[in-house]
Every structure is written in C-alpha cells, then in structure tokens.
PDB file of N, CA and C in Angstrom:
ATOM      1  N   MET A   1    -103.945 189.813   1.255  1.00  0.00           N
ATOM      2  CA  MET A   1    -105.178 190.786   0.201  1.00  0.00           C
ATOM      3  C   MET A   1    -104.523 189.954  -1.225  1.00  0.00           C
ATOM      4  N   THR A   2    -105.743 189.875  -2.115  1.00  0.00           N
ATOM      5  CA  THR A   2    -105.491 189.309  -3.796  1.00  0.00           C
ATOM      6  C   THR A   2    -105.651 190.677  -4.575  1.00  0.00           C
ATOM      7  N   CYS A   3    -105.332 190.284  -5.641  1.00  0.00           N
ATOM      8  CA  CYS A   3    -105.105 191.085  -7.001  1.00  0.00           C
ATOM      9  C   CYS A   3    -106.602 191.255  -7.244  1.00  0.00           C
ATOM     10  N   PRO A   4    -106.797 192.329  -7.688  1.00  0.00           N
ATOM     11  CA  PRO A   4    -108.578 192.612  -8.107  1.00  0.00           C
ATOM     12  C   PRO A   4    -108.512 192.576  -9.404  1.00  0.00           C
ATOM     13  N   ILE A   5    -107.329 192.000 -10.529  1.00  0.00           N
ATOM     14  CA  ILE A   5    -107.387 191.741 -11.570  1.00  0.00           C
ATOM     15  C   ILE A   5    -107.385 190.324 -11.818  1.00  0.00           C
ATOM     16  N   CYS A   6    -106.469 189.466 -11.328  1.00  0.00           N
ATOM     17  CA  CYS A   6    -106.328 187.936 -11.422  1.00  0.00           C
ATOM     18  C   CYS A   6    -106.349 187.306 -10.251  1.00  0.00           C
ATOM     19  N   ALA A   7    -107.100 188.009  -9.186  1.00  0.00           N
ATOM     20  CA  ALA A   7    -107.137 187.157  -7.453  1.00  0.00           C
ATOM     21  C   ALA A   7    -105.696 186.409  -7.028  1.00  0.00           C
ATOM     22  N   LYS A   8    -104.362 186.393  -8.045  1.00  0.00           N
ATOM     23  CA  LYS A   8    -103.081 185.995  -7.187  1.00  0.00           C
ATOM     24  C   LYS A   8    -103.063 186.767  -5.945  1.00  0.00           C
ATOM     25  N   ASP A   9    -102.249 186.259  -5.078  1.00  0.00           N
ATOM     26  CA  ASP A   9    -101.563 187.197  -4.144  1.00  0.00           C
ATOM     27  C   ASP A   9    -101.201 188.482  -4.580  1.00  0.00           C
ATOM     28  N   SER A  10    -100.829 189.277  -3.701  1.00  0.00           N
ATOM     29  CA  SER A  10    -101.045 190.687  -4.277  1.00  0.00           C
ATOM     30  C   SER A  10     -99.223 190.745  -3.952  1.00  0.00           C
ATOM     31  N   ASP A  11     -98.449 191.514  -4.355  1.00  0.00           N
ATOM     32  CA  ASP A  11     -96.872 191.767  -4.245  1.00  0.00           C
ATOM     33  C   ASP A  11     -97.110 193.181  -3.838  1.00  0.00           C
ATOM     34  N   PRO A  12     -96.222 193.532  -2.844  1.00  0.00           N
ATOM     35  CA  PRO A  12     -96.032 194.855  -1.997  1.00  0.00           C
ATOM     36  C   PRO A  12     -95.469 196.057  -3.102  1.00  0.00           C
ATOM     37  N   LYS A  13     -94.852 195.721  -3.831  1.00  0.00           N
ATOM     38  CA  LYS A  13     -94.185 196.138  -5.106  1.00  0.00           C
ATOM     39  C   LYS A  13     -95.444 197.151  -5.826  1.00  0.00           C
ATOM     40  N   TYR A  14     -96.643 196.135  -5.905  1.00  0.00           N
ATOM     41  CA  TYR A  14     -97.374 196.717  -6.953  1.00  0.00           C
ATOM     42  C   TYR A  14     -99.160 196.794  -6.291  1.00  0.00           C
ATOM     43  N   ARG A  15     -98.904 196.692  -4.536  1.00  0.00           N
ATOM     44  CA  ARG A  15    -100.113 196.427  -4.020  1.00  0.00           C
ATOM     45  C   ARG A  15    -100.829 197.505  -4.397  1.00  0.00           C
ATOM     46  N   PRO A  16    -102.449 197.060  -4.913  1.00  0.00           N
ATOM     47  CA  PRO A  16    -103.055 195.824  -4.456  1.00  0.00           C
ATOM     48  C   PRO A  16    -102.900 195.051  -5.709  1.00  0.00           C
ATOM     49  N   PHE A  17    -102.002 194.835  -6.323  1.00  0.00           N
ATOM     50  CA  PHE A  17    -102.082 194.367  -7.494  1.00  0.00           C
ATOM     51  C   PHE A  17    -100.821 193.505  -7.464  1.00  0.00           C
ATOM     52  N   CYS A  18    -100.661 191.992  -8.049  1.00  0.00           N
ATOM     53  CA  CYS A  18     -99.836 191.296  -8.065  1.00  0.00           C
ATOM     54  C   CYS A  18     -98.364 191.026  -8.804  1.00  0.00           C
ATOM     55  N   SER A  19     -98.523 192.524  -9.951  1.00  0.00           N
ATOM     56  CA  SER A  19     -97.717 192.528 -11.099  1.00  0.00           C
ATOM     57  C   SER A  19     -98.204 194.182 -11.212  1.00  0.00           C
ATOM     58  N   ARG A  20     -97.076 194.065 -12.548  1.00  0.00           N
ATOM     59  CA  ARG A  20     -97.085 195.496 -13.539  1.00  0.00           C
ATOM     60  C   ARG A  20     -97.983 195.449 -14.233  1.00  0.00           C
ATOM     61  N   ARG A  21     -98.028 194.233 -14.560  1.00  0.00           N
ATOM     62  CA  ARG A  21     -98.954 193.736 -15.673  1.00  0.00           C
ATOM     63  C   ARG A  21    -100.561 194.293 -15.303  1.00  0.00           C
ATOM     64  N   CYS A  22    -101.049 193.297 -14.220  1.00  0.00           N
ATOM     65  CA  CYS A  22    -102.189 193.653 -13.587  1.00  0.00           C
ATOM     66  C   CYS A  22    -102.636 195.284 -13.662  1.00  0.00           C
ATOM     67  N   ALA A  23    -101.766 195.744 -12.955  1.00  0.00           N
ATOM     68  CA  ALA A  23    -101.764 197.473 -12.390  1.00  0.00           C
ATOM     69  C   ALA A  23    -102.056 198.094 -13.841  1.00  0.00           C
ATOM     70  N   ASP A  24    -101.440 198.028 -15.026  1.00  0.00           N
ATOM     71  CA  ASP A  24    -101.664 198.334 -16.219  1.00  0.00           C
ATOM     72  C   ASP A  24    -102.831 197.912 -16.724  1.00  0.00           C
ATOM     73  N   VAL A  25    -103.146 196.789 -16.757  1.00  0.00           N
ATOM     74  CA  VAL A  25    -104.708 196.086 -17.226  1.00  0.00           C
ATOM     75  C   VAL A  25    -105.481 197.104 -16.121  1.00  0.00           C
ATOM     76  N   ASP A  26    -105.133 197.541 -15.309  1.00  0.00           N
ATOM     77  CA  ASP A  26    -106.438 198.287 -14.352  1.00  0.00           C
ATOM     78  C   ASP A  26    -106.662 199.785 -14.917  1.00  0.00           C
ATOM     79  N   LEU A  27    -105.369 200.254 -14.821  1.00  0.00           N
ATOM     80  CA  LEU A  27    -104.884 201.826 -15.475  1.00  0.00           C
ATOM     81  C   LEU A  27    -105.795 201.964 -16.898  1.00  0.00           C
ATOM     82  N   GLY A  28    -105.992 200.606 -17.915  1.00  0.00           N
ATOM     83  CA  GLY A  28    -106.200 200.714 -18.928  1.00  0.00           C
ATOM     84  C   GLY A  28    -107.773 200.892 -18.795  1.00  0.00           C
ATOM     85  N   LYS A  29    -108.490 200.078 -17.667  1.00  0.00           N
ATOM     86  CA  LYS A  29    -109.802 200.058 -17.717  1.00  0.00           C
ATOM     87  C   LYS A  29    -110.049 201.264 -17.294  1.00  0.00           C
ATOM     88  N   TRP A  30    -109.291 202.301 -16.709  1.00  0.00           N
ATOM     89  CA  TRP A  30    -109.952 203.643 -16.132  1.00  0.00           C
ATOM     90  C   TRP A  30    -109.764 204.954 -17.347  1.00  0.00           C
ATOM     91  N   LEU A  31    -108.598 204.428 -18.056  1.00  0.00           N
ATOM     92  CA  LEU A  31    -108.443 205.228 -19.314  1.00  0.00           C
ATOM     93  C   LEU A  31    -109.538 205.194 -20.335  1.00  0.00           C
ATOM     94  N   ASN A  32    -109.870 204.131 -20.428  1.00  0.00           N
ATOM     95  CA  ASN A  32    -110.837 203.751 -21.578  1.00  0.00           C
ATOM     96  C   ASN A  32    -112.204 203.576 -21.461  1.00  0.00           C
ATOM     97  N   GLY A  33    -112.621 203.965 -19.794  1.00  0.00           N
ATOM     98  CA  GLY A  33    -113.990 204.267 -19.562  1.00  0.00           C
ATOM     99  C   GLY A  33    -114.626 203.153 -19.103  1.00  0.00           C
ATOM    100  N   SER A  34    -114.189 201.882 -18.809  1.00  0.00           N
ATOM    101  CA  SER A  34    -114.774 200.618 -18.308  1.00  0.00           C
ATOM    102  C   SER A  34    -115.143 200.885 -16.829  1.00  0.00           C
ATOM    103  N   TYR A  35    -114.402 201.769 -15.966  1.00  0.00           N
ATOM    104  CA  TYR A  35    -114.797 201.864 -14.465  1.00  0.00           C
ATOM    105  C   TYR A  35    -115.490 203.367 -14.600  1.00  0.00           C
ATOM    106  N   ARG A  36    -117.014 203.367 -14.388  1.00  0.00           N
ATOM    107  CA  ARG A  36    -117.490 204.652 -14.024  1.00  0.00           C
ATOM    108  C   ARG A  36    -118.450 204.668 -13.211  1.00  0.00           C
ATOM    109  N   VAL A  37    -118.981 206.048 -12.542  1.00  0.00           N
ATOM    110  CA  VAL A  37    -119.666 206.277 -11.598  1.00  0.00           C
ATOM    111  C   VAL A  37    -120.614 206.765 -12.100  1.00  0.00           C
ATOM    112  N   ALA A  38    -121.957 205.840 -11.602  1.00  0.00           N
ATOM    113  CA  ALA A  38    -123.208 206.118 -11.997  1.00  0.00           C
ATOM    114  C   ALA A  38    -123.400 208.050 -11.717  1.00  0.00           C
ATOM    115  N   SER A  39    -124.395 208.071 -12.762  1.00  0.00           N
ATOM    116  CA  SER A  39    -124.782 209.080 -12.362  1.00  0.00           C
ATOM    117  C   SER A  39    -126.303 209.389 -13.477  1.00  0.00           C
ATOM    118  N   GLU A  40    -126.907 210.319 -12.477  1.00  0.00           N
ATOM    119  CA  GLU A  40    -128.403 210.675 -12.969  1.00  0.00           C
ATOM    120  C   GLU A  40    -128.642 212.156 -13.931  1.00  0.00           C
ATOM    121  N   ASP A  41    -127.112 212.818 -13.826  1.00  0.00           N
ATOM    122  CA  ASP A  41    -127.240 213.970 -14.807  1.00  0.00           C
ATOM    123  C   ASP A  41    -127.056 213.363 -16.347  1.00  0.00           C
ATOM    124  N   PRO A  42    -127.333 214.481 -17.251  1.00  0.00           N
ATOM    125  CA  PRO A  42    -127.575 214.275 -18.574  1.00  0.00           C
ATOM    126  C   PRO A  42    -126.067 214.213 -19.162  1.00  0.00           C
ATOM    127  N   ASP A  43    -126.159 213.308 -20.085  1.00  0.00           N
ATOM    128  CA  ASP A  43    -124.973 213.090 -20.689  1.00  0.00           C
ATOM    129  C   ASP A  43    -124.208 214.367 -21.032  1.00  0.00           C
ATOM    130  N   ASP A  44    -125.067 215.502 -21.812  1.00  0.00           N
ATOM    131  CA  ASP A  44    -124.383 216.523 -22.317  1.00  0.00           C
ATOM    132  C   ASP A  44    -124.823 218.051 -21.868  1.00  0.00           C
ATOM    133  N   ILE A  45    -124.372 218.940 -21.993  1.00  0.00           N
ATOM    134  CA  ILE A  45    -124.698 220.095 -21.714  1.00  0.00           C
ATOM    135  C   ILE A  45    -126.105 220.178 -22.209  1.00  0.00           C
ATOM    136  N   GLU A  46    -125.930 220.130 -23.593  1.00  0.00           N
ATOM    137  CA  GLU A  46    -127.126 220.284 -24.637  1.00  0.00           C
ATOM    138  C   GLU A  46    -128.320 220.004 -23.924  1.00  0.00           C
ATOM    139  N   ASP A  47    -128.181 218.779 -23.646  1.00  0.00           N
ATOM    140  CA  ASP A  47    -129.692 218.291 -22.724  1.00  0.00           C
ATOM    141  C   ASP A  47    -130.251 218.770 -21.701  1.00  0.00           C
ATOM    142  N   LEU A  48    -129.124 219.231 -21.084  1.00  0.00           N
ATOM    143  CA  LEU A  48    -129.318 219.927 -19.943  1.00  0.00           C
ATOM    144  C   LEU A  48    -130.082 221.534 -19.987  1.00  0.00           C
ATOM    145  N   ILE A  49    -129.564 222.035 -20.892  1.00  0.00           N
ATOM    146  CA  ILE A  49    -129.937 223.353 -21.564  1.00  0.00           C
ATOM    147  C   ILE A  49    -131.206 223.428 -21.815  1.00  0.00           C
ATOM    148  N   GLU A  50    -131.707 222.384 -22.891  1.00  0.00           N
ATOM    149  CA  GLU A  50    -132.869 222.067 -23.350  1.00  0.00           C
ATOM    150  C   GLU A  50    -133.981 221.421 -22.210  1.00  0.00           C
ATOM    151  N   GLU A  51    -133.240 220.810 -21.221  1.00  0.00           N
ATOM    152  CA  GLU A  51    -134.536 220.504 -20.211  1.00  0.00           C
ATOM    153  C   GLU A  51    -134.753 221.945 -19.454  1.00  0.00           C
ATOM    154  N   MET A  52    -133.827 222.475 -18.781  1.00  0.00           N
ATOM    155  CA  MET A  52    -133.942 224.177 -18.566  1.00  0.00           C
ATOM    156  C   MET A  52    -134.894 224.746 -19.286  1.00  0.00           C
ATOM    157  N   GLU A  53    -134.468 225.090 -20.534  1.00  0.00           N
ATOM    158  CA  GLU A  53    -135.737 225.794 -21.269  1.00  0.00           C
ATOM    159  C   GLU A  53    -136.801 225.260 -21.176  1.00  0.00           C
ATOM    160  N   ARG A  54    -137.650 223.870 -21.163  1.00  0.00           N
ATOM    161  CA  ARG A  54    -138.610 223.453 -21.128  1.00  0.00           C
ATOM    162  C   ARG A  54    -139.313 223.749 -19.773  1.00  0.00           C
ATOM    163  N   GLU A  55    -138.632 223.662 -18.671  1.00  0.00           N
ATOM    164  CA  GLU A  55    -138.892 223.909 -17.294  1.00  0.00           C
ATOM    165  C   GLU A  55    -139.355 225.214 -17.222  1.00  0.00           C
ATOM    166  N   LEU A  56    -138.434 226.037 -17.567  1.00  0.00           N
ATOM    167  CA  LEU A  56    -138.685 227.885 -17.487  1.00  0.00           C
ATOM    168  C   LEU A  56    -139.935 228.016 -18.385  1.00  0.00           C
ATOM    169  N   SER A  57    -140.307 227.427 -19.638  1.00  0.00           N
ATOM    170  CA  SER A  57    -141.229 227.990 -20.496  1.00  0.00           C
ATOM    171  C   SER A  57    -142.520 227.185 -19.486  1.00  0.00           C
ATOM    172  N   LYS A  58    -142.567 226.386 -19.253  1.00  0.00           N
ATOM    173  CA  LYS A  58    -143.845 226.014 -18.405  1.00  0.00           C
ATOM    174  C   LYS A  58    -144.326 226.870 -17.198  1.00  0.00           C
ATOM    175  N   GLU A  59    -143.496 227.645 -16.481  1.00  0.00           N
ATOM    176  CA  GLU A  59    -143.294 228.341 -15.246  1.00  0.00           C
ATOM    177  C   GLU A  59    -143.551 230.003 -15.807  1.00  0.00           C
ATOM    178  N   SER A  60    -143.082 229.862 -16.959  1.00  0.00           N
ATOM    179  CA  SER A  60    -143.278 231.633 -17.560  1.00  0.00           C
ATOM    180  C   SER A  60    -144.711 231.893 -18.190  1.00  0.00           C
ATOM    181  N   PRO A  61    -145.452 232.886 -17.358  1.00  0.00           N
ATOM    182  CA  PRO A  61    -146.825 233.464 -18.580  1.00  0.00           C
ATOM    183  C   PRO A  61    -146.695 233.625 -19.808  1.00  0.00           C
ATOM    184  N   LYS A  62    -147.352 232.666 -20.701  1.00  0.00           N
ATOM    185  CA  LYS A  62    -147.261 233.699 -22.177  1.00  0.00           C
ATOM    186  C   LYS A  62    -147.818 234.708 -22.235  1.00  0.00           C
ATOM    187  N   PRO A  63    -147.226 235.548 -22.990  1.00  0.00           N
ATOM    188  CA  PRO A  63    -147.505 237.085 -23.556  1.00  0.00           C
ATOM    189  C   PRO A  63    -148.823 236.835 -24.445  1.00  0.00           C
ATOM    190  N   HIS A  64    -149.501 237.716 -24.409  1.00  0.00           N
ATOM    191  CA  HIS A  64    -150.845 237.900 -24.689  1.00  0.00           C
ATOM    192  C   HIS A  64    -150.870 238.274 -26.249  1.00  0.00           C
TER     193      HIS A  64
END
C-alpha cells in the first residue's frame, strides 16, 4: 500500500501513511475543509428558510 499523500510505501505504524508528517498533512486537510462531501443542500439555514417560504407562498391561496 502506498501513502495517499506522497505515494511512498506506507509504514505499519502510521498506516495508511508513510510517516507522522503525512498523517498530519492529511489531518490538516480535513480540519481546513479541503476534503468535503458534495451536497445539494443550501449552504446555510437562511437560504433553506427563504426557499421554503417561497414554495409555501406558491401553494397557499391569497386572501381577497
């Protein structure tokens, strides 16, 4: 198995990485948001609320 950061042979002590340095580089990528799971959800709750209000206003009959 090769290290996912630098492609050297992995070390059993740091598996799947080759060293503590590469393990720390990987951790840093997780912590700063470099690794993300794609989503179609709104970025924040305000966008979701506004979208739901627009949809509800389309469905509700308007008072006379």
